[in-house]
Structures are given as structure tokens and as C-alpha cells.
Amino acid sequence: MAKALKGHLPSDLHATPRLAAENARLKRRVAELESLVLRLKEENDALIDSAAGELEPVLRA
């Protein structure tokens, strides 16, 4: 069975460093996107708070 599985693995010796580099690049990109999502959530929360503060006097009237 191990021989059968080995046939499905890439035989290119450069594949492992390429895959490692690609994985590192993708991990950096995921971290960038997670940071962006966090920043946008914080901005959204600030906008909601601001809008709520502006609407509060109107709603009390």
C-alpha cells in the first residue's frame, strides 16, 4: 500500500520547498485578511456607536 501511495506523491525534488514557500505566503495573506477583518469590525462598531449617539436624541423626542 505504501508503494501505491508513494506513486501519488510529487516526485519533483523542488516541490517541497515550493510548497513550503507557497504555504508561508498563504499564511501571511490569511493573517493580513484577518487583520483587515478585525479593523473593519472595529470601524463598523465605531460607526454604529456614532449613529446610535446621533439617533438617541431624535428617538427620545
PDB file of N, CA and C in Angstrom:
ATOM      1  N   MET A   1       0.822  -1.183   0.000  1.00  0.00           N
ATOM      2  CA  MET A   1       0.000   0.000   0.000  1.00  0.00           C
ATOM      3  C   MET A   1       0.873   1.257   0.000  1.00  0.00           C
ATOM      4  N   ALA A   2       1.965   1.236   0.742  1.00  0.00           N
ATOM      5  CA  ALA A   2       2.843   2.406   0.789  1.00  0.00           C
ATOM      6  C   ALA A   2       3.402   2.712  -0.590  1.00  0.00           C
ATOM      7  N   LYS A   3       3.714   1.698  -1.353  1.00  0.00           N
ATOM      8  CA  LYS A   3       4.229   1.920  -2.703  1.00  0.00           C
ATOM      9  C   LYS A   3       3.161   2.560  -3.572  1.00  0.00           C
ATOM     10  N   ALA A   4       1.918   2.169  -3.404  1.00  0.00           N
ATOM     11  CA  ALA A   4       0.829   2.758  -4.183  1.00  0.00           C
ATOM     12  C   ALA A   4       0.645   4.224  -3.816  1.00  0.00           C
ATOM     13  N   LEU A   5       0.730   4.536  -2.536  1.00  0.00           N
ATOM     14  CA  LEU A   5       0.591   5.920  -2.102  1.00  0.00           C
ATOM     15  C   LEU A   5       1.760   6.771  -2.585  1.00  0.00           C
ATOM     16  N   LYS A   6       2.936   6.195  -2.570  1.00  0.00           N
ATOM     17  CA  LYS A   6       4.121   6.938  -2.993  1.00  0.00           C
ATOM     18  C   LYS A   6       3.993   7.347  -4.452  1.00  0.00           C
ATOM     19  N   GLY A   7       3.319   6.564  -5.249  1.00  0.00           N
ATOM     20  CA  GLY A   7       3.124   6.907  -6.647  1.00  0.00           C
ATOM     21  C   GLY A   7       2.285   8.150  -6.840  1.00  0.00           C
ATOM     22  N   HIS A   8       1.511   8.523  -5.824  1.00  0.00           N
ATOM     23  CA  HIS A   8       0.656   9.704  -5.926  1.00  0.00           C
ATOM     24  C   HIS A   8       1.333  10.957  -5.410  1.00  0.00           C
ATOM     25  N   LEU A   9       2.509  10.823  -4.849  1.00  0.00           N
ATOM     26  CA  LEU A   9       3.232  11.976  -4.336  1.00  0.00           C
ATOM     27  C   LEU A   9       4.065  12.594  -5.449  1.00  0.00           C
ATOM     28  N   PRO A  10       4.246  13.898  -5.418  1.00  0.00           N
ATOM     29  CA  PRO A  10       5.079  14.517  -6.450  1.00  0.00           C
ATOM     30  C   PRO A  10       6.523  14.022  -6.349  1.00  0.00           C
ATOM     31  N   SER A  11       7.091  13.710  -7.482  1.00  0.00           N
ATOM     32  CA  SER A  11       8.461  13.205  -7.475  1.00  0.00           C
ATOM     33  C   SER A  11       9.471  14.327  -7.700  1.00  0.00           C
ATOM     34  N   ASP A  12       8.970  15.528  -7.962  1.00  0.00           N
ATOM     35  CA  ASP A  12       9.839  16.680  -8.177  1.00  0.00           C
ATOM     36  C   ASP A  12      10.502  17.057  -6.851  1.00  0.00           C
ATOM     37  N   LEU A  13      11.822  17.041  -6.806  1.00  0.00           N
ATOM     38  CA  LEU A  13      12.534  17.346  -5.561  1.00  0.00           C
ATOM     39  C   LEU A  13      12.371  18.797  -5.137  1.00  0.00           C
ATOM     40  N   HIS A  14      12.017  19.657  -6.073  1.00  0.00           N
ATOM     41  CA  HIS A  14      11.847  21.074  -5.756  1.00  0.00           C
ATOM     42  C   HIS A  14      10.435  21.373  -5.277  1.00  0.00           C
ATOM     43  N   ALA A  15       9.558  20.400  -5.329  1.00  0.00           N
ATOM     44  CA  ALA A  15       8.170  20.628  -4.940  1.00  0.00           C
ATOM     45  C   ALA A  15       8.061  20.992  -3.464  1.00  0.00           C
ATOM     46  N   THR A  16       8.810  20.344  -2.607  1.00  0.00           N
ATOM     47  CA  THR A  16       8.694  20.599  -1.171  1.00  0.00           C
ATOM     48  C   THR A  16       9.070  22.039  -0.818  1.00  0.00           C
ATOM     49  N   PRO A  17      10.202  22.571  -1.270  1.00  0.00           N
ATOM     50  CA  PRO A  17      10.496  23.978  -0.966  1.00  0.00           C
ATOM     51  C   PRO A  17       9.467  24.937  -1.585  1.00  0.00           C
ATOM     52  N   ARG A  18       9.005  24.600  -2.785  1.00  0.00           N
ATOM     53  CA  ARG A  18       7.979  25.455  -3.414  1.00  0.00           C
ATOM     54  C   ARG A  18       6.698  25.438  -2.608  1.00  0.00           C
ATOM     55  N   LEU A  19       6.291  24.247  -2.176  1.00  0.00           N
ATOM     56  CA  LEU A  19       5.069  24.148  -1.381  1.00  0.00           C
ATOM     57  C   LEU A  19       5.225  24.862  -0.044  1.00  0.00           C
ATOM     58  N   ALA A  20       6.386  24.742   0.563  1.00  0.00           N
ATOM     59  CA  ALA A  20       6.626  25.422   1.834  1.00  0.00           C
ATOM     60  C   ALA A  20       6.561  26.942   1.646  1.00  0.00           C
ATOM     61  N   ALA A  21       7.142  27.428   0.558  1.00  0.00           N
ATOM     62  CA  ALA A  21       7.101  28.863   0.277  1.00  0.00           C
ATOM     63  C   ALA A  21       5.673  29.319  -0.001  1.00  0.00           C
ATOM     64  N   GLU A  22       4.939  28.537  -0.747  1.00  0.00           N
ATOM     65  CA  GLU A  22       3.549  28.880  -1.045  1.00  0.00           C
ATOM     66  C   GLU A  22       2.703  28.857   0.223  1.00  0.00           C
ATOM     67  N   ASN A  23       2.919  27.857   1.074  1.00  0.00           N
ATOM     68  CA  ASN A  23       2.191  27.800   2.344  1.00  0.00           C
ATOM     69  C   ASN A  23       2.506  29.013   3.214  1.00  0.00           C
ATOM     70  N   ALA A  24       3.756  29.406   3.255  1.00  0.00           N
ATOM     71  CA  ALA A  24       4.143  30.582   4.038  1.00  0.00           C
ATOM     72  C   ALA A  24       3.480  31.837   3.486  1.00  0.00           C
ATOM     73  N   ARG A  25       3.468  31.955   2.157  1.00  0.00           N
ATOM     74  CA  ARG A  25       2.821  33.115   1.523  1.00  0.00           C
ATOM     75  C   ARG A  25       1.331  33.143   1.847  1.00  0.00           C
ATOM     76  N   LEU A  26       0.687  31.992   1.759  1.00  0.00           N
ATOM     77  CA  LEU A  26      -0.747  31.930   2.041  1.00  0.00           C
ATOM     78  C   LEU A  26      -1.040  32.222   3.510  1.00  0.00           C
ATOM     79  N   LYS A  27      -0.182  31.761   4.407  1.00  0.00           N
ATOM     80  CA  LYS A  27      -0.378  32.054   5.829  1.00  0.00           C
ATOM     81  C   LYS A  27      -0.254  33.547   6.097  1.00  0.00           C
ATOM     82  N   ARG A  28       0.724  34.205   5.429  1.00  0.00           N
ATOM     83  CA  ARG A  28       0.860  35.660   5.580  1.00  0.00           C
ATOM     84  C   ARG A  28      -0.388  36.368   5.064  1.00  0.00           C
ATOM     85  N   ARG A  29      -0.906  35.902   3.934  1.00  0.00           N
ATOM     86  CA  ARG A  29      -2.101  36.524   3.350  1.00  0.00           C
ATOM     87  C   ARG A  29      -3.313  36.343   4.258  1.00  0.00           C
ATOM     88  N   VAL A  30      -3.450  35.162   4.834  1.00  0.00           N
ATOM     89  CA  VAL A  30      -4.556  34.917   5.765  1.00  0.00           C
ATOM     90  C   VAL A  30      -4.434  35.851   6.969  1.00  0.00           C
ATOM     91  N   ALA A  31      -3.225  36.016   7.482  1.00  0.00           N
ATOM     92  CA  ALA A  31      -3.011  36.924   8.613  1.00  0.00           C
ATOM     93  C   ALA A  31      -3.374  38.361   8.226  1.00  0.00           C
ATOM     94  N   GLU A  32      -3.004  38.779   7.016  1.00  0.00           N
ATOM     95  CA  GLU A  32      -3.359  40.125   6.537  1.00  0.00           C
ATOM     96  C   GLU A  32      -4.873  40.278   6.466  1.00  0.00           C
ATOM     97  N   LEU A  33      -5.551  39.273   5.936  1.00  0.00           N
ATOM     98  CA  LEU A  33      -7.002  39.346   5.808  1.00  0.00           C
ATOM     99  C   LEU A  33      -7.687  39.322   7.167  1.00  0.00           C
ATOM    100  N   GLU A  34      -7.162  38.538   8.103  1.00  0.00           N
ATOM    101  CA  GLU A  34      -7.732  38.524   9.453  1.00  0.00           C
ATOM    102  C   GLU A  34      -7.572  39.889  10.107  1.00  0.00           C
ATOM    103  N   SER A  35      -6.430  40.514   9.893  1.00  0.00           N
ATOM    104  CA  SER A  35      -6.194  41.845  10.432  1.00  0.00           C
ATOM    105  C   SER A  35      -7.166  42.854   9.817  1.00  0.00           C
ATOM    106  N   LEU A  36      -7.387  42.748   8.528  1.00  0.00           N
ATOM    107  CA  LEU A  36      -8.317  43.637   7.838  1.00  0.00           C
ATOM    108  C   LEU A  36      -9.734  43.454   8.372  1.00  0.00           C
ATOM    109  N   VAL A  37     -10.145  42.216   8.561  1.00  0.00           N
ATOM    110  CA  VAL A  37     -11.489  41.947   9.094  1.00  0.00           C
ATOM    111  C   VAL A  37     -11.634  42.564  10.480  1.00  0.00           C
ATOM    112  N   LEU A  38     -10.623  42.406  11.323  1.00  0.00           N
ATOM    113  CA  LEU A  38     -10.667  42.986  12.662  1.00  0.00           C
ATOM    114  C   LEU A  38     -10.779  44.505  12.608  1.00  0.00           C
ATOM    115  N   ARG A  39      -9.978  45.129  11.739  1.00  0.00           N
ATOM    116  CA  ARG A  39     -10.017  46.588  11.612  1.00  0.00           C
ATOM    117  C   ARG A  39     -11.384  47.054  11.124  1.00  0.00           C
ATOM    118  N   LEU A  40     -11.944  46.354  10.142  1.00  0.00           N
ATOM    119  CA  LEU A  40     -13.250  46.739   9.618  1.00  0.00           C
ATOM    120  C   LEU A  40     -14.354  46.547  10.654  1.00  0.00           C
ATOM    121  N   LYS A  41     -14.252  45.500  11.470  1.00  0.00           N
ATOM    122  CA  LYS A  41     -15.231  45.302  12.540  1.00  0.00           C
ATOM    123  C   LYS A  41     -15.159  46.447  13.544  1.00  0.00           C
ATOM    124  N   GLU A  42     -13.926  46.854  13.873  1.00  0.00           N
ATOM    125  CA  GLU A  42     -13.762  47.958  14.824  1.00  0.00           C
ATOM    126  C   GLU A  42     -14.326  49.252  14.242  1.00  0.00           C
ATOM    127  N   GLU A  43     -14.063  49.510  12.961  1.00  0.00           N
ATOM    128  CA  GLU A  43     -14.613  50.698  12.308  1.00  0.00           C
ATOM    129  C   GLU A  43     -16.131  50.637  12.274  1.00  0.00           C
ATOM    130  N   ASN A  44     -16.664  49.469  11.972  1.00  0.00           N
ATOM    131  CA  ASN A  44     -18.112  49.296  11.927  1.00  0.00           C
ATOM    132  C   ASN A  44     -18.727  49.555  13.299  1.00  0.00           C
ATOM    133  N   ASP A  45     -18.116  49.016  14.338  1.00  0.00           N
ATOM    134  CA  ASP A  45     -18.619  49.241  15.698  1.00  0.00           C
ATOM    135  C   ASP A  45     -18.598  50.729  16.049  1.00  0.00           C
ATOM    136  N   ALA A  46     -17.532  51.415  15.649  1.00  0.00           N
ATOM    137  CA  ALA A  46     -17.439  52.853  15.919  1.00  0.00           C
ATOM    138  C   ALA A  46     -18.527  53.615  15.174  1.00  0.00           C
ATOM    139  N   LEU A  47     -18.789  53.234  13.933  1.00  0.00           N
ATOM    140  CA  LEU A  47     -19.848  53.887  13.167  1.00  0.00           C
ATOM    141  C   LEU A  47     -21.227  53.622  13.769  1.00  0.00           C
ATOM    142  N   ILE A  48     -21.443  52.405  14.235  1.00  0.00           N
ATOM    143  CA  ILE A  48     -22.717  52.076  14.886  1.00  0.00           C
ATOM    144  C   ILE A  48     -22.891  52.915  16.146  1.00  0.00           C
ATOM    145  N   ASP A  49     -21.830  53.012  16.947  1.00  0.00           N
ATOM    146  CA  ASP A  49     -21.898  53.813  18.173  1.00  0.00           C
ATOM    147  C   ASP A  49     -22.174  55.279  17.845  1.00  0.00           C
ATOM    148  N   SER A  50     -21.523  55.773  16.817  1.00  0.00           N
ATOM    149  CA  SER A  50     -21.714  57.161  16.407  1.00  0.00           C
ATOM    150  C   SER A  50     -23.149  57.398  15.935  1.00  0.00           C
ATOM    151  N   ALA A  51     -23.649  56.504  15.117  1.00  0.00           N
ATOM    152  CA  ALA A  51     -25.006  56.647  14.612  1.00  0.00           C
ATOM    153  C   ALA A  51     -26.018  56.525  15.748  1.00  0.00           C
ATOM    154  N   ALA A  52     -25.781  55.626  16.675  1.00  0.00           N
ATOM    155  CA  ALA A  52     -26.687  55.465  17.811  1.00  0.00           C
ATOM    156  C   ALA A  52     -26.691  56.733  18.663  1.00  0.00           C
ATOM    157  N   GLY A  53     -25.522  57.332  18.839  1.00  0.00           N
ATOM    158  CA  GLY A  53     -25.436  58.567  19.611  1.00  0.00           C
ATOM    159  C   GLY A  53     -26.177  59.707  18.938  1.00  0.00           C
ATOM    160  N   GLU A  54     -26.145  59.752  17.622  1.00  0.00           N
ATOM    161  CA  GLU A  54     -26.849  60.803  16.883  1.00  0.00           C
ATOM    162  C   GLU A  54     -28.350  60.557  16.862  1.00  0.00           C
ATOM    163  N   LEU A  55     -28.769  59.316  16.861  1.00  0.00           N
ATOM    164  CA  LEU A  55     -30.193  58.999  16.783  1.00  0.00           C
ATOM    165  C   LEU A  55     -30.885  59.027  18.139  1.00  0.00           C
ATOM    166  N   GLU A  56     -30.125  58.861  19.211  1.00  0.00           N
ATOM    167  CA  GLU A  56     -30.718  58.798  20.543  1.00  0.00           C
ATOM    168  C   GLU A  56     -31.571  60.008  20.864  1.00  0.00           C
ATOM    169  N   PRO A  57     -31.097  61.246  20.654  1.00  0.00           N
ATOM    170  CA  PRO A  57     -31.943  62.413  20.957  1.00  0.00           C
ATOM    171  C   PRO A  57     -33.198  62.435  20.078  1.00  0.00           C
ATOM    172  N   VAL A  58     -33.106  62.019  18.856  1.00  0.00           N
ATOM    173  CA  VAL A  58     -34.258  62.011  17.956  1.00  0.00           C
ATOM    174  C   VAL A  58     -35.294  61.012  18.431  1.00  0.00           C
ATOM    175  N   LEU A  59     -34.839  59.849  18.882  1.00  0.00           N
ATOM    176  CA  LEU A  59     -35.752  58.811  19.327  1.00  0.00           C
ATOM    177  C   LEU A  59     -36.432  59.173  20.637  1.00  0.00           C
ATOM    178  N   ARG A  60     -35.774  59.968  21.468  1.00  0.00           N
ATOM    179  CA  ARG A  60     -36.365  60.371  22.767  1.00  0.00           C
ATOM    180  C   ARG A  60     -37.439  61.438  22.572  1.00  0.00           C
ATOM    181  N   ALA A  61     -37.371  62.158  21.483  1.00  0.00           N
ATOM    182  CA  ALA A  61     -38.323  63.270  21.264  1.00  0.00           C
ATOM    183  C   ALA A  61     -39.702  62.798  20.921  1.00  0.00           C
TER     184      ALA A  61
END
